[in-house]
Protein backbone atom coordinates (compact mmCIF):
# COMPACT_ATOMS: atom_id res chain seq x y z
CA UNK A 1 0.00 0.00 0.00
CA UNK A 2 2.87 2.37 0.86
CA UNK A 3 4.52 1.72 -2.49
CA UNK A 4 1.32 2.55 -4.40
CA UNK A 5 0.91 5.77 -2.41
CA UNK A 6 4.56 6.65 -3.06
CA UNK A 7 4.16 6.06 -6.80
CA UNK A 8 0.97 8.15 -6.95
CA UNK A 9 2.62 11.02 -5.05
CA UNK A 10 5.69 10.84 -7.28
CA UNK A 11 3.51 10.97 -10.40
CA UNK A 12 1.59 13.97 -9.02
CA UNK A 13 4.85 15.79 -8.26
CA UNK A 14 6.21 15.02 -11.74
CA UNK A 15 2.98 16.22 -13.39
CA UNK A 16 3.11 19.41 -11.33
CA UNK A 17 6.73 20.14 -12.29
CA UNK A 18 6.03 19.35 -15.95
CA UNK A 19 3.08 21.73 -15.99
CA UNK A 20 5.20 24.52 -14.48
CA UNK A 21 8.18 24.18 -16.83
CA UNK A 22 6.05 24.46 -19.93
CA UNK A 23 7.03 23.91 -23.52
CA UNK A 24 9.25 26.65 -24.92
CA UNK A 25 8.00 26.30 -28.50
CA UNK A 26 4.38 26.77 -27.39
CA UNK A 27 5.29 29.55 -24.97
CA UNK A 28 7.29 31.34 -27.69
CA UNK A 29 4.24 31.20 -29.96
CA UNK A 30 2.05 32.65 -27.19
CA UNK A 31 4.62 35.39 -26.52
CA UNK A 32 4.76 36.25 -30.24
CA UNK A 33 0.97 36.51 -30.42
CA UNK A 34 0.89 38.77 -27.35
CA UNK A 35 3.70 40.97 -28.66
CA UNK A 36 2.10 41.38 -32.10
CA UNK A 37 -1.33 42.08 -30.62
CA UNK A 38 0.09 44.91 -28.51
CA UNK A 39 2.35 46.53 -31.10
CA UNK A 40 -0.21 46.38 -33.90
CA UNK A 41 -2.78 47.93 -31.53
CA UNK A 42 -0.33 50.86 -31.21
CA UNK A 43 0.04 51.23 -35.00
CA UNK A 44 3.50 49.67 -35.31
CA UNK A 45 4.45 47.81 -38.47
CA UNK A 46 6.33 44.54 -38.63
CA UNK A 47 9.92 44.75 -39.88
CA UNK A 48 11.65 41.38 -39.32
CA UNK A 49 12.09 38.37 -37.02
CA UNK A 50 15.37 36.60 -36.29
CA UNK A 51 14.92 33.09 -34.85
CA UNK A 52 17.25 31.82 -32.12
CA UNK A 53 20.15 34.20 -32.82
CA UNK A 54 22.97 35.69 -30.75
CA UNK A 55 23.69 38.44 -33.30
CA UNK A 56 21.52 40.36 -35.71
CA UNK A 57 21.34 43.79 -37.29
CA UNK A 58 18.94 46.13 -39.01
CA UNK A 59 18.93 49.67 -40.38
CA UNK A 60 17.10 52.55 -38.75
CA UNK A 61 15.64 55.60 -40.47
CA UNK A 62 15.28 59.13 -39.10
CA UNK A 63 12.16 60.19 -37.19
CA UNK A 64 11.04 56.61 -36.58
CA UNK A 65 9.99 54.80 -33.41
CA UNK A 66 11.20 51.22 -32.88
CA UNK A 67 10.31 48.28 -30.64
CA UNK A 68 12.72 45.34 -30.42
CA UNK A 69 11.67 42.25 -28.46
CA UNK A 70 14.06 39.55 -27.28
CA UNK A 71 12.34 36.26 -26.35
CA UNK A 72 14.44 33.46 -24.90
CA UNK A 73 14.09 30.11 -23.14
CA UNK A 74 14.20 30.71 -19.40
CA UNK A 75 13.85 27.03 -18.39
CA UNK A 76 17.24 26.96 -16.64
CA UNK A 77 17.01 30.63 -15.55
CA UNK A 78 19.91 32.07 -17.58
CA UNK A 79 20.71 35.73 -17.12
CA UNK A 80 19.58 37.50 -20.28
CA UNK A 81 22.16 39.93 -21.63
CA UNK A 82 20.87 41.87 -24.59
CA UNK A 83 21.93 45.15 -26.15
CA UNK A 84 21.63 47.24 -29.27
CA UNK A 85 24.17 49.74 -30.51
CA UNK A 86 24.96 51.93 -33.47
CA UNK A 87 27.49 50.27 -35.77
CA UNK A 88 30.24 52.85 -36.00
CA UNK A 89 34.05 52.68 -35.81
CA UNK A 90 34.08 55.52 -33.26
CA UNK A 91 33.94 53.90 -29.77
CA UNK A 92 32.57 57.11 -28.19
CA UNK A 93 29.61 57.14 -30.57
CA UNK A 94 29.00 53.42 -29.96
CA UNK A 95 29.05 54.00 -26.19
CA UNK A 96 26.71 56.97 -26.52
CA UNK A 97 24.22 55.07 -28.69
CA UNK A 98 24.02 51.74 -26.87
CA UNK A 99 20.75 50.63 -25.30
CA UNK A 100 19.78 47.77 -23.00
CA UNK A 101 16.19 46.47 -23.05
CA UNK A 102 13.88 46.25 -20.08
CA UNK A 103 12.58 42.95 -18.73
CA UNK A 104 8.81 42.92 -19.27
CA UNK A 105 7.74 39.44 -18.23
CA UNK A 106 7.43 35.78 -18.93
CA UNK A 107 4.89 33.51 -20.61
CA UNK A 108 5.50 29.96 -19.40
CA UNK A 109 9.25 29.56 -19.90
CA UNK A 110 9.53 32.25 -22.62
CA UNK A 111 11.14 35.34 -21.04
CA UNK A 112 10.57 38.66 -22.85
CA UNK A 113 12.68 41.82 -22.87
CA UNK A 114 11.76 44.96 -24.81
CA UNK A 115 13.85 47.79 -26.20
CA UNK A 116 12.09 51.06 -27.11
CA UNK A 117 13.78 53.91 -28.94
CA UNK A 118 13.03 56.72 -31.35
CA UNK A 119 15.45 58.09 -33.92
CA UNK A 120 15.62 61.78 -34.66
CA UNK A 121 18.33 63.02 -36.98
CA UNK A 122 20.77 60.19 -37.68
CA UNK A 123 23.74 62.20 -38.83
CA UNK A 124 22.16 63.50 -42.03
CA UNK A 125 21.97 59.98 -43.46
CA UNK A 126 18.94 58.08 -44.75
CA UNK A 127 19.74 54.99 -42.68
CA UNK A 128 22.14 53.82 -39.98
CA UNK A 129 22.91 50.20 -39.06
CA UNK A 130 22.09 48.91 -35.58
CA UNK A 131 23.78 45.79 -34.16
CA UNK A 132 21.86 43.50 -31.79
CA UNK A 133 23.59 41.12 -29.39
CA UNK A 134 21.77 38.42 -27.47
CA UNK A 135 22.87 36.00 -24.78
CA UNK A 136 21.42 33.39 -24.55
CA UNK A 137 20.08 32.83 -28.06
CA UNK A 138 16.83 34.69 -28.57
CA UNK A 139 14.10 35.11 -31.10
CA UNK A 140 14.19 38.81 -31.96
CA UNK A 141 11.15 40.70 -33.22
CA UNK A 142 11.51 44.20 -34.70
CA UNK A 143 8.68 46.68 -35.28
CA UNK A 144 8.63 50.35 -36.34
CA UNK A 145 6.30 53.32 -36.58
CA UNK A 146 6.83 56.57 -38.54
C-alpha atoms as a PDB file:
ATOM      1  CA  UNK A   1       0.000   0.000   0.000  1.00  0.00           C
ATOM      2  CA  UNK A   2       2.867   2.373   0.862  1.00  0.00           C
ATOM      3  CA  UNK A   3       4.524   1.723  -2.492  1.00  0.00           C
ATOM      4  CA  UNK A   4       1.316   2.553  -4.404  1.00  0.00           C
ATOM      5  CA  UNK A   5       0.912   5.770  -2.413  1.00  0.00           C
ATOM      6  CA  UNK A   6       4.564   6.655  -3.060  1.00  0.00           C
ATOM      7  CA  UNK A   7       4.159   6.056  -6.801  1.00  0.00           C
ATOM      8  CA  UNK A   8       0.968   8.152  -6.955  1.00  0.00           C
ATOM      9  CA  UNK A   9       2.618  11.017  -5.053  1.00  0.00           C
ATOM     10  CA  UNK A  10       5.690  10.842  -7.284  1.00  0.00           C
ATOM     11  CA  UNK A  11       3.514  10.973 -10.401  1.00  0.00           C
ATOM     12  CA  UNK A  12       1.589  13.968  -9.020  1.00  0.00           C
ATOM     13  CA  UNK A  13       4.849  15.791  -8.261  1.00  0.00           C
ATOM     14  CA  UNK A  14       6.206  15.019 -11.744  1.00  0.00           C
ATOM     15  CA  UNK A  15       2.983  16.217 -13.385  1.00  0.00           C
ATOM     16  CA  UNK A  16       3.108  19.415 -11.326  1.00  0.00           C
ATOM     17  CA  UNK A  17       6.734  20.141 -12.293  1.00  0.00           C
ATOM     18  CA  UNK A  18       6.028  19.347 -15.954  1.00  0.00           C
ATOM     19  CA  UNK A  19       3.082  21.735 -15.988  1.00  0.00           C
ATOM     20  CA  UNK A  20       5.204  24.518 -14.480  1.00  0.00           C
ATOM     21  CA  UNK A  21       8.183  24.177 -16.827  1.00  0.00           C
ATOM     22  CA  UNK A  22       6.051  24.463 -19.932  1.00  0.00           C
ATOM     23  CA  UNK A  23       7.033  23.906 -23.518  1.00  0.00           C
ATOM     24  CA  UNK A  24       9.252  26.647 -24.918  1.00  0.00           C
ATOM     25  CA  UNK A  25       7.997  26.299 -28.498  1.00  0.00           C
ATOM     26  CA  UNK A  26       4.379  26.770 -27.392  1.00  0.00           C
ATOM     27  CA  UNK A  27       5.289  29.554 -24.967  1.00  0.00           C
ATOM     28  CA  UNK A  28       7.287  31.339 -27.694  1.00  0.00           C
ATOM     29  CA  UNK A  29       4.237  31.205 -29.960  1.00  0.00           C
ATOM     30  CA  UNK A  30       2.054  32.652 -27.185  1.00  0.00           C
ATOM     31  CA  UNK A  31       4.619  35.392 -26.520  1.00  0.00           C
ATOM     32  CA  UNK A  32       4.762  36.245 -30.237  1.00  0.00           C
ATOM     33  CA  UNK A  33       0.969  36.506 -30.424  1.00  0.00           C
ATOM     34  CA  UNK A  34       0.888  38.767 -27.355  1.00  0.00           C
ATOM     35  CA  UNK A  35       3.698  40.974 -28.664  1.00  0.00           C
ATOM     36  CA  UNK A  36       2.096  41.380 -32.102  1.00  0.00           C
ATOM     37  CA  UNK A  37      -1.329  42.080 -30.624  1.00  0.00           C
ATOM     38  CA  UNK A  38       0.088  44.911 -28.509  1.00  0.00           C
ATOM     39  CA  UNK A  39       2.355  46.527 -31.104  1.00  0.00           C
ATOM     40  CA  UNK A  40      -0.213  46.375 -33.896  1.00  0.00           C
ATOM     41  CA  UNK A  41      -2.776  47.929 -31.533  1.00  0.00           C
ATOM     42  CA  UNK A  42      -0.334  50.864 -31.208  1.00  0.00           C
ATOM     43  CA  UNK A  43       0.036  51.231 -35.002  1.00  0.00           C
ATOM     44  CA  UNK A  44       3.500  49.674 -35.313  1.00  0.00           C
ATOM     45  CA  UNK A  45       4.449  47.811 -38.472  1.00  0.00           C
ATOM     46  CA  UNK A  46       6.331  44.540 -38.633  1.00  0.00           C
ATOM     47  CA  UNK A  47       9.917  44.753 -39.879  1.00  0.00           C
ATOM     48  CA  UNK A  48      11.652  41.381 -39.321  1.00  0.00           C
ATOM     49  CA  UNK A  49      12.095  38.371 -37.022  1.00  0.00           C
ATOM     50  CA  UNK A  50      15.373  36.596 -36.289  1.00  0.00           C
ATOM     51  CA  UNK A  51      14.916  33.088 -34.854  1.00  0.00           C
ATOM     52  CA  UNK A  52      17.248  31.822 -32.124  1.00  0.00           C
ATOM     53  CA  UNK A  53      20.150  34.197 -32.818  1.00  0.00           C
ATOM     54  CA  UNK A  54      22.973  35.691 -30.750  1.00  0.00           C
ATOM     55  CA  UNK A  55      23.690  38.437 -33.299  1.00  0.00           C
ATOM     56  CA  UNK A  56      21.519  40.363 -35.711  1.00  0.00           C
ATOM     57  CA  UNK A  57      21.341  43.794 -37.291  1.00  0.00           C
ATOM     58  CA  UNK A  58      18.941  46.128 -39.012  1.00  0.00           C
ATOM     59  CA  UNK A  59      18.927  49.667 -40.378  1.00  0.00           C
ATOM     60  CA  UNK A  60      17.101  52.550 -38.754  1.00  0.00           C
ATOM     61  CA  UNK A  61      15.640  55.597 -40.471  1.00  0.00           C
ATOM     62  CA  UNK A  62      15.276  59.126 -39.100  1.00  0.00           C
ATOM     63  CA  UNK A  63      12.157  60.194 -37.194  1.00  0.00           C
ATOM     64  CA  UNK A  64      11.036  56.610 -36.584  1.00  0.00           C
ATOM     65  CA  UNK A  65       9.990  54.804 -33.407  1.00  0.00           C
ATOM     66  CA  UNK A  66      11.201  51.216 -32.884  1.00  0.00           C
ATOM     67  CA  UNK A  67      10.308  48.279 -30.645  1.00  0.00           C
ATOM     68  CA  UNK A  68      12.719  45.344 -30.422  1.00  0.00           C
ATOM     69  CA  UNK A  69      11.668  42.250 -28.460  1.00  0.00           C
ATOM     70  CA  UNK A  70      14.057  39.554 -27.277  1.00  0.00           C
ATOM     71  CA  UNK A  71      12.335  36.264 -26.347  1.00  0.00           C
ATOM     72  CA  UNK A  72      14.436  33.458 -24.904  1.00  0.00           C
ATOM     73  CA  UNK A  73      14.086  30.107 -23.139  1.00  0.00           C
ATOM     74  CA  UNK A  74      14.197  30.710 -19.397  1.00  0.00           C
ATOM     75  CA  UNK A  75      13.855  27.030 -18.394  1.00  0.00           C
ATOM     76  CA  UNK A  76      17.243  26.960 -16.642  1.00  0.00           C
ATOM     77  CA  UNK A  77      17.012  30.631 -15.547  1.00  0.00           C
ATOM     78  CA  UNK A  78      19.911  32.074 -17.575  1.00  0.00           C
ATOM     79  CA  UNK A  79      20.711  35.734 -17.115  1.00  0.00           C
ATOM     80  CA  UNK A  80      19.584  37.495 -20.282  1.00  0.00           C
ATOM     81  CA  UNK A  81      22.160  39.931 -21.629  1.00  0.00           C
ATOM     82  CA  UNK A  82      20.874  41.873 -24.595  1.00  0.00           C
ATOM     83  CA  UNK A  83      21.925  45.146 -26.147  1.00  0.00           C
ATOM     84  CA  UNK A  84      21.632  47.239 -29.274  1.00  0.00           C
ATOM     85  CA  UNK A  85      24.172  49.744 -30.507  1.00  0.00           C
ATOM     86  CA  UNK A  86      24.964  51.930 -33.468  1.00  0.00           C
ATOM     87  CA  UNK A  87      27.489  50.267 -35.770  1.00  0.00           C
ATOM     88  CA  UNK A  88      30.243  52.848 -35.997  1.00  0.00           C
ATOM     89  CA  UNK A  89      34.050  52.675 -35.808  1.00  0.00           C
ATOM     90  CA  UNK A  90      34.083  55.524 -33.257  1.00  0.00           C
ATOM     91  CA  UNK A  91      33.935  53.899 -29.771  1.00  0.00           C
ATOM     92  CA  UNK A  92      32.571  57.109 -28.189  1.00  0.00           C
ATOM     93  CA  UNK A  93      29.613  57.137 -30.571  1.00  0.00           C
ATOM     94  CA  UNK A  94      29.002  53.417 -29.959  1.00  0.00           C
ATOM     95  CA  UNK A  95      29.049  53.998 -26.188  1.00  0.00           C
ATOM     96  CA  UNK A  96      26.705  56.973 -26.520  1.00  0.00           C
ATOM     97  CA  UNK A  97      24.218  55.069 -28.691  1.00  0.00           C
ATOM     98  CA  UNK A  98      24.024  51.740 -26.871  1.00  0.00           C
ATOM     99  CA  UNK A  99      20.751  50.635 -25.304  1.00  0.00           C
ATOM    100  CA  UNK A 100      19.781  47.773 -23.005  1.00  0.00           C
ATOM    101  CA  UNK A 101      16.194  46.470 -23.045  1.00  0.00           C
ATOM    102  CA  UNK A 102      13.877  46.248 -20.077  1.00  0.00           C
ATOM    103  CA  UNK A 103      12.582  42.952 -18.733  1.00  0.00           C
ATOM    104  CA  UNK A 104       8.809  42.924 -19.268  1.00  0.00           C
ATOM    105  CA  UNK A 105       7.737  39.438 -18.232  1.00  0.00           C
ATOM    106  CA  UNK A 106       7.432  35.780 -18.931  1.00  0.00           C
ATOM    107  CA  UNK A 107       4.892  33.513 -20.609  1.00  0.00           C
ATOM    108  CA  UNK A 108       5.498  29.962 -19.402  1.00  0.00           C
ATOM    109  CA  UNK A 109       9.249  29.564 -19.900  1.00  0.00           C
ATOM    110  CA  UNK A 110       9.527  32.247 -22.617  1.00  0.00           C
ATOM    111  CA  UNK A 111      11.138  35.336 -21.041  1.00  0.00           C
ATOM    112  CA  UNK A 112      10.569  38.663 -22.849  1.00  0.00           C
ATOM    113  CA  UNK A 113      12.677  41.820 -22.875  1.00  0.00           C
ATOM    114  CA  UNK A 114      11.759  44.956 -24.809  1.00  0.00           C
ATOM    115  CA  UNK A 115      13.847  47.794 -26.198  1.00  0.00           C
ATOM    116  CA  UNK A 116      12.091  51.057 -27.109  1.00  0.00           C
ATOM    117  CA  UNK A 117      13.783  53.911 -28.938  1.00  0.00           C
ATOM    118  CA  UNK A 118      13.032  56.725 -31.349  1.00  0.00           C
ATOM    119  CA  UNK A 119      15.446  58.087 -33.924  1.00  0.00           C
ATOM    120  CA  UNK A 120      15.619  61.785 -34.660  1.00  0.00           C
ATOM    121  CA  UNK A 121      18.329  63.019 -36.984  1.00  0.00           C
ATOM    122  CA  UNK A 122      20.768  60.188 -37.676  1.00  0.00           C
ATOM    123  CA  UNK A 123      23.737  62.196 -38.833  1.00  0.00           C
ATOM    124  CA  UNK A 124      22.155  63.499 -42.028  1.00  0.00           C
ATOM    125  CA  UNK A 125      21.969  59.975 -43.462  1.00  0.00           C
ATOM    126  CA  UNK A 126      18.941  58.081 -44.751  1.00  0.00           C
ATOM    127  CA  UNK A 127      19.742  54.986 -42.683  1.00  0.00           C
ATOM    128  CA  UNK A 128      22.141  53.825 -39.976  1.00  0.00           C
ATOM    129  CA  UNK A 129      22.906  50.198 -39.061  1.00  0.00           C
ATOM    130  CA  UNK A 130      22.093  48.905 -35.577  1.00  0.00           C
ATOM    131  CA  UNK A 131      23.782  45.795 -34.156  1.00  0.00           C
ATOM    132  CA  UNK A 132      21.865  43.504 -31.786  1.00  0.00           C
ATOM    133  CA  UNK A 133      23.588  41.120 -29.387  1.00  0.00           C
ATOM    134  CA  UNK A 134      21.766  38.416 -27.467  1.00  0.00           C
ATOM    135  CA  UNK A 135      22.868  35.998 -24.778  1.00  0.00           C
ATOM    136  CA  UNK A 136      21.420  33.395 -24.546  1.00  0.00           C
ATOM    137  CA  UNK A 137      20.076  32.827 -28.060  1.00  0.00           C
ATOM    138  CA  UNK A 138      16.833  34.689 -28.572  1.00  0.00           C
ATOM    139  CA  UNK A 139      14.098  35.112 -31.101  1.00  0.00           C
ATOM    140  CA  UNK A 140      14.189  38.809 -31.960  1.00  0.00           C
ATOM    141  CA  UNK A 141      11.145  40.700 -33.219  1.00  0.00           C
ATOM    142  CA  UNK A 142      11.509  44.195 -34.695  1.00  0.00           C
ATOM    143  CA  UNK A 143       8.677  46.682 -35.284  1.00  0.00           C
ATOM    144  CA  UNK A 144       8.630  50.348 -36.340  1.00  0.00           C
ATOM    145  CA  UNK A 145       6.299  53.324 -36.581  1.00  0.00           C
ATOM    146  CA  UNK A 146       6.828  56.574 -38.542  1.00  0.00           C
END
